[in-house]
């Protein structure tokens, strides 16, 4: 577990590059914001978290399997992660920020990265079309 990164992960870097190609500029780390968001779009008062499917329990994702050894430990850990995610989202919303969550599986494959980044960019800038069904603070 010591090799698991909390920032600059492959999915995060992939999304950052794709969003930057689309012309959006951001800050990293969210200094002073609850939960240290991965991407901060100050101009649009929006933050983005890139969640790992396993650690943040992406529903209906094959990566979010439960380990067979020591299930009590893992279940408690996953529940704490989910509680923290909910708390951070509500804290950010109370401060007036829009919150988006992008899942690891949505950006891990190149075929899914570009549509996800485009959809995210449209939601952030407010240029969403009728084909996009995302809402702020909803999991992309």
Protein backbone atom coordinates (compact mmCIF):
# COMPACT_ATOMS: atom_id res chain seq x y z
CA UNK A 1 0.00 0.00 0.00
CA UNK A 2 2.97 2.32 0.39
CA UNK A 3 3.26 2.50 -3.39
CA UNK A 4 -0.25 3.80 -3.88
CA UNK A 5 -0.13 7.44 -4.86
CA UNK A 6 -2.52 10.05 -3.61
CA UNK A 7 -1.70 12.60 -6.29
CA UNK A 8 -0.32 12.62 -9.83
CA UNK A 9 -1.87 9.24 -10.58
CA UNK A 10 -2.07 8.04 -14.18
CA UNK A 11 -5.83 8.67 -14.48
CA UNK A 12 -5.41 12.14 -13.00
CA UNK A 13 -2.56 13.08 -15.34
CA UNK A 14 -4.47 11.73 -18.34
CA UNK A 15 -7.52 13.83 -17.46
CA UNK A 16 -5.37 16.91 -16.81
CA UNK A 17 -3.75 16.63 -20.23
CA UNK A 18 -7.07 16.10 -21.98
CA UNK A 19 -8.77 19.03 -20.24
CA UNK A 20 -5.78 21.26 -20.93
CA UNK A 21 -5.96 20.35 -24.63
CA UNK A 22 -9.56 21.54 -24.57
CA UNK A 23 -8.41 24.96 -23.38
CA UNK A 24 -9.35 24.81 -19.71
CA UNK A 25 -6.80 26.02 -17.19
CA UNK A 26 -6.72 24.81 -13.62
CA UNK A 27 -4.75 24.70 -10.40
CA UNK A 28 -3.66 21.55 -8.63
CA UNK A 29 -4.16 20.51 -5.04
CA UNK A 30 -6.81 23.01 -4.02
CA UNK A 31 -4.84 24.70 -1.26
CA UNK A 32 -7.24 25.86 1.41
CA UNK A 33 -10.17 23.86 0.09
CA UNK A 34 -11.70 20.89 1.90
CA UNK A 35 -10.56 17.50 0.60
CA UNK A 36 -7.69 18.76 -1.58
CA UNK A 37 -9.43 18.50 -4.98
CA UNK A 38 -7.35 17.16 -7.87
CA UNK A 39 -8.27 20.00 -10.24
CA UNK A 40 -9.50 23.46 -9.29
CA UNK A 41 -11.12 25.68 -11.91
CA UNK A 42 -11.25 28.93 -9.95
CA UNK A 43 -12.70 30.93 -12.81
CA UNK A 44 -15.70 28.61 -12.91
CA UNK A 45 -15.81 27.97 -9.14
CA UNK A 46 -15.59 24.24 -9.87
CA UNK A 47 -13.48 21.41 -8.48
CA UNK A 48 -12.86 17.92 -9.86
CA UNK A 49 -11.90 14.80 -7.97
CA UNK A 50 -10.44 11.83 -9.86
CA UNK A 51 -11.47 8.85 -7.76
CA UNK A 52 -9.99 5.39 -7.93
CA UNK A 53 -12.75 2.85 -8.46
CA UNK A 54 -11.38 0.45 -5.85
CA UNK A 55 -10.76 2.96 -3.05
CA UNK A 56 -13.90 5.04 -3.48
CA UNK A 57 -16.25 2.12 -4.31
CA UNK A 58 -17.45 2.91 -7.80
CA UNK A 59 -20.76 1.10 -8.00
CA UNK A 60 -21.17 -1.48 -10.75
CA UNK A 61 -17.47 -1.33 -11.62
CA UNK A 62 -15.48 -4.54 -11.82
CA UNK A 63 -12.44 -2.85 -10.25
CA UNK A 64 -14.38 -2.12 -7.05
CA UNK A 65 -14.25 -5.69 -5.81
CA UNK A 66 -14.00 -6.56 -2.14
CA UNK A 67 -10.80 -8.20 -0.89
CA UNK A 68 -11.39 -11.64 0.54
CA UNK A 69 -8.83 -11.33 3.34
CA UNK A 70 -9.70 -9.32 6.42
CA UNK A 71 -13.13 -8.15 5.17
CA UNK A 72 -14.00 -6.27 8.38
CA UNK A 73 -10.97 -4.02 7.98
CA UNK A 74 -11.68 -3.34 4.31
CA UNK A 75 -15.38 -2.69 4.78
CA UNK A 76 -14.67 -0.19 7.55
CA UNK A 77 -11.99 1.50 5.42
CA UNK A 78 -14.27 1.78 2.39
CA UNK A 79 -17.08 3.16 4.54
CA UNK A 80 -14.75 5.82 6.01
CA UNK A 81 -13.68 6.80 2.48
CA UNK A 82 -17.30 7.12 1.37
CA UNK A 83 -18.19 9.16 4.46
CA UNK A 84 -15.23 11.48 3.87
CA UNK A 85 -16.21 11.91 0.20
CA UNK A 86 -19.76 12.91 1.18
CA UNK A 87 -18.51 15.29 3.88
CA UNK A 88 -15.99 16.98 1.57
CA UNK A 89 -18.59 17.38 -1.19
CA UNK A 90 -21.09 19.00 1.17
CA UNK A 91 -18.38 21.28 2.63
CA UNK A 92 -17.35 22.45 -0.83
CA UNK A 93 -20.94 23.02 -1.89
CA UNK A 94 -21.54 25.05 1.27
CA UNK A 95 -18.64 27.26 0.18
CA UNK A 96 -20.29 27.75 -3.22
CA UNK A 97 -18.17 25.36 -5.30
CA UNK A 98 -19.51 22.93 -7.90
CA UNK A 99 -18.08 19.44 -7.43
CA UNK A 100 -17.51 16.80 -10.10
CA UNK A 101 -16.19 13.28 -9.64
CA UNK A 102 -14.48 11.46 -12.49
CA UNK A 103 -13.87 7.76 -12.02
CA UNK A 104 -10.62 5.99 -12.83
CA UNK A 105 -12.35 3.62 -15.26
CA UNK A 106 -13.67 6.57 -17.24
CA UNK A 107 -10.21 7.89 -18.05
CA UNK A 108 -8.06 4.77 -18.01
CA UNK A 109 -8.85 3.81 -21.62
CA UNK A 110 -8.07 6.32 -24.36
CA UNK A 111 -11.40 5.56 -26.01
CA UNK A 112 -13.22 6.77 -22.88
CA UNK A 113 -10.87 9.61 -21.91
CA UNK A 114 -11.66 12.07 -24.69
CA UNK A 115 -15.48 11.85 -24.42
CA UNK A 116 -15.24 12.13 -20.63
CA UNK A 117 -12.94 15.17 -20.83
CA UNK A 118 -15.18 16.82 -23.41
CA UNK A 119 -18.27 16.18 -21.33
CA UNK A 120 -16.52 17.54 -18.23
CA UNK A 121 -15.33 20.65 -20.08
CA UNK A 122 -18.85 21.36 -21.33
CA UNK A 123 -20.26 21.03 -17.84
CA UNK A 124 -17.59 23.28 -16.32
CA UNK A 125 -17.95 26.04 -18.89
CA UNK A 126 -21.73 25.79 -19.07
CA UNK A 127 -21.78 24.92 -22.78
CA UNK A 128 -23.60 21.66 -22.28
CA UNK A 129 -25.75 20.27 -25.02
CA UNK A 130 -28.88 18.22 -24.69
CA UNK A 131 -26.89 15.04 -25.14
CA UNK A 132 -25.06 15.64 -21.87
CA UNK A 133 -26.91 14.59 -18.78
CA UNK A 134 -24.42 15.55 -16.06
CA UNK A 135 -25.28 17.68 -13.12
CA UNK A 136 -22.89 19.43 -10.71
CA UNK A 137 -21.72 17.24 -7.86
CA UNK A 138 -22.67 14.09 -9.68
CA UNK A 139 -20.37 11.33 -10.62
CA UNK A 140 -19.31 11.58 -14.21
